């Protein structure tokens, strides 16, 4: 009887894990805004290198263009060794919405998982999707050194779409050709 229960439990676990498919950018489409945009207040062109943009700390950052949810600019910033933070700007209004991405800051002391492991967050988005993929690179020697959670952007909030899973997809393989993740 115990053997039958064990076989049933293992079979159920395999079926449940294979039935779970991670959300894709295509599952959360939005129309990308094509009109005039407003730059964030914190960004400026480098005088020596006009093709380069800098943030208020003088550090290089991405070009200010829509790269998330049809109208937003999600930018990563370096704030020193192992320190990274994100900003989110509505390019239609120029309004900063940084409070939305504040949970993904890795400051002087790295954030920790619930089980106490330090991690570095990385966010991935596309201009034509309101899905945000958050990957958390763990500071551990274990083979499973990455965790991932996806969020949908709805009504000015990031809402979890999946629980945190203990593996990460390979973003370069996952993003469609010509539709790079940022």
C-alpha atoms as a PDB file:
ATOM      1  CA  UNK A   1       0.000   0.000   0.000  1.00  0.00           C
ATOM      2  CA  UNK A   2       2.837   2.404   0.883  1.00  0.00           C
ATOM      3  CA  UNK A   3       4.449   1.645  -2.453  1.00  0.00           C
ATOM      4  CA  UNK A   4       1.206   2.480  -4.293  1.00  0.00           C
ATOM      5  CA  UNK A   5       0.880   5.798  -2.425  1.00  0.00           C
ATOM      6  CA  UNK A   6       4.507   6.657  -3.209  1.00  0.00           C
ATOM      7  CA  UNK A   7       4.020   5.882  -6.923  1.00  0.00           C
ATOM      8  CA  UNK A   8       0.848   8.002  -6.980  1.00  0.00           C
ATOM      9  CA  UNK A   9       2.579  10.905  -5.215  1.00  0.00           C
ATOM     10  CA  UNK A  10       5.593  10.851  -7.544  1.00  0.00           C
ATOM     11  CA  UNK A  11       3.348  10.604 -10.630  1.00  0.00           C
ATOM     12  CA  UNK A  12       1.262  13.553  -9.426  1.00  0.00           C
ATOM     13  CA  UNK A  13       4.373  15.654  -8.765  1.00  0.00           C
ATOM     14  CA  UNK A  14       5.733  14.941 -12.256  1.00  0.00           C
ATOM     15  CA  UNK A  15       2.405  15.805 -13.887  1.00  0.00           C
ATOM     16  CA  UNK A  16       2.052  18.997 -11.849  1.00  0.00           C
ATOM     17  CA  UNK A  17       5.555  20.210 -12.694  1.00  0.00           C
ATOM     18  CA  UNK A  18       5.192  19.463 -16.404  1.00  0.00           C
ATOM     19  CA  UNK A  19       1.816  21.219 -16.487  1.00  0.00           C
ATOM     20  CA  UNK A  20       3.361  24.419 -15.120  1.00  0.00           C
ATOM     21  CA  UNK A  21       4.531  26.625 -17.934  1.00  0.00           C
ATOM     22  CA  UNK A  22       6.204  29.898 -17.286  1.00  0.00           C
ATOM     23  CA  UNK A  23       4.422  32.967 -18.635  1.00  0.00           C
ATOM     24  CA  UNK A  24       5.878  34.562 -21.732  1.00  0.00           C
ATOM     25  CA  UNK A  25       6.050  38.153 -22.877  1.00  0.00           C
ATOM     26  CA  UNK A  26       3.600  37.226 -25.629  1.00  0.00           C
ATOM     27  CA  UNK A  27       1.015  36.235 -22.967  1.00  0.00           C
ATOM     28  CA  UNK A  28       0.925  39.876 -21.748  1.00  0.00           C
ATOM     29  CA  UNK A  29       0.852  42.038 -24.882  1.00  0.00           C
ATOM     30  CA  UNK A  30       0.430  45.808 -24.932  1.00  0.00           C
ATOM     31  CA  UNK A  31       0.464  48.335 -27.735  1.00  0.00           C
ATOM     32  CA  UNK A  32       3.709  50.322 -27.749  1.00  0.00           C
ATOM     33  CA  UNK A  33       3.166  54.092 -27.691  1.00  0.00           C
ATOM     34  CA  UNK A  34       4.569  55.746 -30.807  1.00  0.00           C
ATOM     35  CA  UNK A  35       4.166  59.441 -30.035  1.00  0.00           C
ATOM     36  CA  UNK A  36       6.425  62.023 -28.472  1.00  0.00           C
ATOM     37  CA  UNK A  37       7.948  61.125 -25.113  1.00  0.00           C
ATOM     38  CA  UNK A  38       9.308  63.074 -22.143  1.00  0.00           C
ATOM     39  CA  UNK A  39      12.733  62.359 -20.748  1.00  0.00           C
ATOM     40  CA  UNK A  40      13.241  61.474 -17.096  1.00  0.00           C
ATOM     41  CA  UNK A  41      14.577  64.367 -14.992  1.00  0.00           C
ATOM     42  CA  UNK A  42      17.593  62.333 -13.893  1.00  0.00           C
ATOM     43  CA  UNK A  43      19.080  61.601 -17.341  1.00  0.00           C
ATOM     44  CA  UNK A  44      21.367  63.631 -19.597  1.00  0.00           C
ATOM     45  CA  UNK A  45      23.591  63.192 -22.655  1.00  0.00           C
ATOM     46  CA  UNK A  46      27.302  62.934 -22.091  1.00  0.00           C
ATOM     47  CA  UNK A  47      29.013  66.044 -23.532  1.00  0.00           C
ATOM     48  CA  UNK A  48      32.140  64.162 -24.658  1.00  0.00           C
ATOM     49  CA  UNK A  49      30.259  61.141 -26.017  1.00  0.00           C
ATOM     50  CA  UNK A  50      26.883  62.372 -27.325  1.00  0.00           C
ATOM     51  CA  UNK A  51      25.660  58.816 -28.027  1.00  0.00           C
ATOM     52  CA  UNK A  52      25.965  57.985 -24.322  1.00  0.00           C
ATOM     53  CA  UNK A  53      23.401  58.753 -21.628  1.00  0.00           C
ATOM     54  CA  UNK A  54      24.223  59.271 -17.964  1.00  0.00           C
ATOM     55  CA  UNK A  55      22.205  59.249 -14.762  1.00  0.00           C
ATOM     56  CA  UNK A  56      22.326  61.831 -11.965  1.00  0.00           C
ATOM     57  CA  UNK A  57      25.376  60.064 -10.480  1.00  0.00           C
ATOM     58  CA  UNK A  58      27.244  60.451 -13.771  1.00  0.00           C
ATOM     59  CA  UNK A  59      27.137  56.699 -14.499  1.00  0.00           C
ATOM     60  CA  UNK A  60      26.308  55.372 -17.949  1.00  0.00           C
ATOM     61  CA  UNK A  61      22.767  54.112 -18.457  1.00  0.00           C
ATOM     62  CA  UNK A  62      20.542  52.876 -21.265  1.00  0.00           C
ATOM     63  CA  UNK A  63      19.081  55.105 -23.943  1.00  0.00           C
ATOM     64  CA  UNK A  64      15.813  56.589 -22.641  1.00  0.00           C
ATOM     65  CA  UNK A  65      13.337  54.652 -24.746  1.00  0.00           C
ATOM     66  CA  UNK A  66      10.209  52.633 -24.121  1.00  0.00           C
ATOM     67  CA  UNK A  67      11.309  49.185 -23.003  1.00  0.00           C
ATOM     68  CA  UNK A  68       8.461  48.055 -20.741  1.00  0.00           C
ATOM     69  CA  UNK A  69       4.660  47.859 -20.886  1.00  0.00           C
ATOM     70  CA  UNK A  70       4.194  50.063 -23.945  1.00  0.00           C
ATOM     71  CA  UNK A  71       5.159  53.406 -22.400  1.00  0.00           C
ATOM     72  CA  UNK A  72       7.732  52.958 -19.637  1.00  0.00           C
ATOM     73  CA  UNK A  73      11.501  53.196 -19.406  1.00  0.00           C
ATOM     74  CA  UNK A  74      12.991  50.647 -17.013  1.00  0.00           C
ATOM     75  CA  UNK A  75      16.640  51.457 -16.352  1.00  0.00           C
ATOM     76  CA  UNK A  76      19.280  49.725 -14.263  1.00  0.00           C
ATOM     77  CA  UNK A  77      21.888  51.787 -12.441  1.00  0.00           C
ATOM     78  CA  UNK A  78      25.153  50.952 -10.768  1.00  0.00           C
ATOM     79  CA  UNK A  79      25.771  52.432  -7.356  1.00  0.00           C
ATOM     80  CA  UNK A  80      29.117  50.793  -6.651  1.00  0.00           C
ATOM     81  CA  UNK A  81      30.529  47.324  -6.226  1.00  0.00           C
ATOM     82  CA  UNK A  82      27.700  44.777  -6.104  1.00  0.00           C
ATOM     83  CA  UNK A  83      25.216  47.646  -5.834  1.00  0.00           C
ATOM     84  CA  UNK A  84      22.431  47.981  -8.384  1.00  0.00           C
ATOM     85  CA  UNK A  85      19.078  49.692  -8.450  1.00  0.00           C
ATOM     86  CA  UNK A  86      16.309  50.291 -10.965  1.00  0.00           C
ATOM     87  CA  UNK A  87      14.233  53.279 -11.982  1.00  0.00           C
ATOM     88  CA  UNK A  88      10.910  53.243 -13.801  1.00  0.00           C
ATOM     89  CA  UNK A  89       9.717  56.303 -15.722  1.00  0.00           C
ATOM     90  CA  UNK A  90       6.458  56.855 -17.574  1.00  0.00           C
ATOM     91  CA  UNK A  91       7.773  58.369 -20.812  1.00  0.00           C
ATOM     92  CA  UNK A  92       4.390  59.869 -21.691  1.00  0.00           C
ATOM     93  CA  UNK A  93       4.443  62.102 -18.618  1.00  0.00           C
ATOM     94  CA  UNK A  94       8.121  62.019 -17.550  1.00  0.00           C
ATOM     95  CA  UNK A  95       6.918  60.928 -14.086  1.00  0.00           C
ATOM     96  CA  UNK A  96       9.193  58.660 -12.049  1.00  0.00           C
ATOM     97  CA  UNK A  97       7.554  55.561 -10.577  1.00  0.00           C
ATOM     98  CA  UNK A  98      10.586  54.210  -8.756  1.00  0.00           C
ATOM     99  CA  UNK A  99       8.551  52.959  -5.798  1.00  0.00           C
ATOM    100  CA  UNK A 100       7.292  50.180  -8.075  1.00  0.00           C
ATOM    101  CA  UNK A 101      10.784  48.748  -8.640  1.00  0.00           C
ATOM    102  CA  UNK A 102      12.299  49.596  -5.233  1.00  0.00           C
ATOM    103  CA  UNK A 103      11.937  45.967  -4.041  1.00  0.00           C
ATOM    104  CA  UNK A 104      14.620  45.006  -6.579  1.00  0.00           C
ATOM    105  CA  UNK A 105      17.427  47.131  -5.117  1.00  0.00           C
ATOM    106  CA  UNK A 106      20.721  45.442  -4.280  1.00  0.00           C
ATOM    107  CA  UNK A 107      22.496  48.073  -2.180  1.00  0.00           C
ATOM    108  CA  UNK A 108      25.618  47.973  -0.012  1.00  0.00           C
ATOM    109  CA  UNK A 109      24.295  44.888   1.758  1.00  0.00           C
ATOM    110  CA  UNK A 110      22.732  42.420  -0.663  1.00  0.00           C
ATOM    111  CA  UNK A 111      19.120  41.470   0.007  1.00  0.00           C
ATOM    112  CA  UNK A 112      18.414  37.991   1.365  1.00  0.00           C
ATOM    113  CA  UNK A 113      15.914  35.300   0.516  1.00  0.00           C
ATOM    114  CA  UNK A 114      13.556  33.996   3.194  1.00  0.00           C
ATOM    115  CA  UNK A 115      16.034  31.203   3.853  1.00  0.00           C
ATOM    116  CA  UNK A 116      18.857  33.721   4.406  1.00  0.00           C
ATOM    117  CA  UNK A 117      20.805  33.520   1.132  1.00  0.00           C
ATOM    118  CA  UNK A 118      22.094  36.786  -0.367  1.00  0.00           C
ATOM    119  CA  UNK A 119      21.077  37.472  -3.975  1.00  0.00           C
ATOM    120  CA  UNK A 120      21.430  39.913  -6.874  1.00  0.00           C
ATOM    121  CA  UNK A 121      18.250  40.801  -8.763  1.00  0.00           C
ATOM    122  CA  UNK A 122      18.026  41.311 -12.520  1.00  0.00           C
ATOM    123  CA  UNK A 123      14.912  42.520 -14.319  1.00  0.00           C
ATOM    124  CA  UNK A 124      13.926  41.731 -17.898  1.00  0.00           C
ATOM    125  CA  UNK A 125      11.205  43.406 -19.943  1.00  0.00           C
ATOM    126  CA  UNK A 126      10.065  44.127 -23.479  1.00  0.00           C
ATOM    127  CA  UNK A 127       8.447  47.262 -24.900  1.00  0.00           C
ATOM    128  CA  UNK A 128       5.431  45.337 -26.215  1.00  0.00           C
ATOM    129  CA  UNK A 129       4.637  43.437 -23.001  1.00  0.00           C
ATOM    130  CA  UNK A 130       3.492  44.192 -19.462  1.00  0.00           C
ATOM    131  CA  UNK A 131       5.275  41.094 -18.132  1.00  0.00           C
ATOM    132  CA  UNK A 132       8.364  41.609 -15.989  1.00  0.00           C
ATOM    133  CA  UNK A 133      10.753  38.738 -15.316  1.00  0.00           C
ATOM    134  CA  UNK A 134      12.782  39.011 -12.103  1.00  0.00           C
ATOM    135  CA  UNK A 135      15.732  36.686 -11.683  1.00  0.00           C
ATOM    136  CA  UNK A 136      17.607  36.394  -8.414  1.00  0.00           C
ATOM    137  CA  UNK A 137      21.202  35.148  -8.663  1.00  0.00           C
ATOM    138  CA  UNK A 138      21.997  33.490  -5.350  1.00  0.00           C
ATOM    139  CA  UNK A 139      25.324  33.852  -3.592  1.00  0.00           C
ATOM    140  CA  UNK A 140      25.698  30.139  -2.981  1.00  0.00           C
ATOM    141  CA  UNK A 141      27.756  27.166  -4.095  1.00  0.00           C
ATOM    142  CA  UNK A 142      24.644  25.037  -4.656  1.00  0.00           C
ATOM    143  CA  UNK A 143      23.873  24.005  -8.234  1.00  0.00           C
ATOM    144  CA  UNK A 144      20.483  25.734  -8.110  1.00  0.00           C
ATOM    145  CA  UNK A 145      21.881  29.265  -7.799  1.00  0.00           C
ATOM    146  CA  UNK A 146      19.047  31.183  -9.445  1.00  0.00           C
ATOM    147  CA  UNK A 147      15.412  31.823  -8.605  1.00  0.00           C
ATOM    148  CA  UNK A 148      12.808  33.481 -10.783  1.00  0.00           C
ATOM    149  CA  UNK A 149       9.444  35.163 -10.395  1.00  0.00           C
ATOM    150  CA  UNK A 150       7.290  36.842 -13.006  1.00  0.00           C
ATOM    151  CA  UNK A 151       5.056  39.854 -12.509  1.00  0.00           C
ATOM    152  CA  UNK A 152       2.289  41.463 -14.508  1.00  0.00           C
ATOM    153  CA  UNK A 153       2.043  45.252 -14.549  1.00  0.00           C
ATOM    154  CA  UNK A 154      -1.571  46.228 -13.919  1.00  0.00           C
ATOM    155  CA  UNK A 155      -3.029  49.545 -12.715  1.00  0.00           C
ATOM    156  CA  UNK A 156       0.375  50.953 -11.791  1.00  0.00           C
ATOM    157  CA  UNK A 157       1.375  47.906  -9.716  1.00  0.00           C
ATOM    158  CA  UNK A 158       3.477  44.813 -10.205  1.00  0.00           C
ATOM    159  CA  UNK A 159       1.373  41.770  -9.345  1.00  0.00           C
ATOM    160  CA  UNK A 160       3.029  38.346  -9.010  1.00  0.00           C
ATOM    161  CA  UNK A 161       1.986  35.971 -11.783  1.00  0.00           C
ATOM    162  CA  UNK A 162       3.979  32.991 -10.538  1.00  0.00           C
ATOM    163  CA  UNK A 163       5.403  31.916  -7.234  1.00  0.00           C
ATOM    164  CA  UNK A 164       9.182  32.120  -6.931  1.00  0.00           C
ATOM    165  CA  UNK A 165      10.601  29.077  -8.667  1.00  0.00           C
ATOM    166  CA  UNK A 166      14.012  27.569  -7.991  1.00  0.00           C
ATOM    167  CA  UNK A 167      15.338  27.694 -11.557  1.00  0.00           C
ATOM    168  CA  UNK A 168      15.764  30.476 -14.093  1.00  0.00           C
ATOM    169  CA  UNK A 169      15.200  30.375 -17.796  1.00  0.00           C
ATOM    170  CA  UNK A 170      18.058  31.404 -20.033  1.00  0.00           C
ATOM    171  CA  UNK A 171      16.876  34.842 -21.069  1.00  0.00           C
ATOM    172  CA  UNK A 172      18.999  34.995 -24.233  1.00  0.00           C
ATOM    173  CA  UNK A 173      17.412  31.752 -25.477  1.00  0.00           C
ATOM    174  CA  UNK A 174      13.949  32.753 -24.308  1.00  0.00           C
ATOM    175  CA  UNK A 175      13.669  36.128 -26.052  1.00  0.00           C
ATOM    176  CA  UNK A 176      12.512  35.982 -29.632  1.00  0.00           C
ATOM    177  CA  UNK A 177      14.959  37.060 -32.357  1.00  0.00           C
ATOM    178  CA  UNK A 178      14.475  40.741 -33.087  1.00  0.00           C
ATOM    179  CA  UNK A 179      12.637  41.183 -29.781  1.00  0.00           C
ATOM    180  CA  UNK A 180      15.452  41.390 -27.294  1.00  0.00           C
ATOM    181  CA  UNK A 181      14.743  41.554 -23.611  1.00  0.00           C
ATOM    182  CA  UNK A 182      16.098  44.618 -21.876  1.00  0.00           C
END
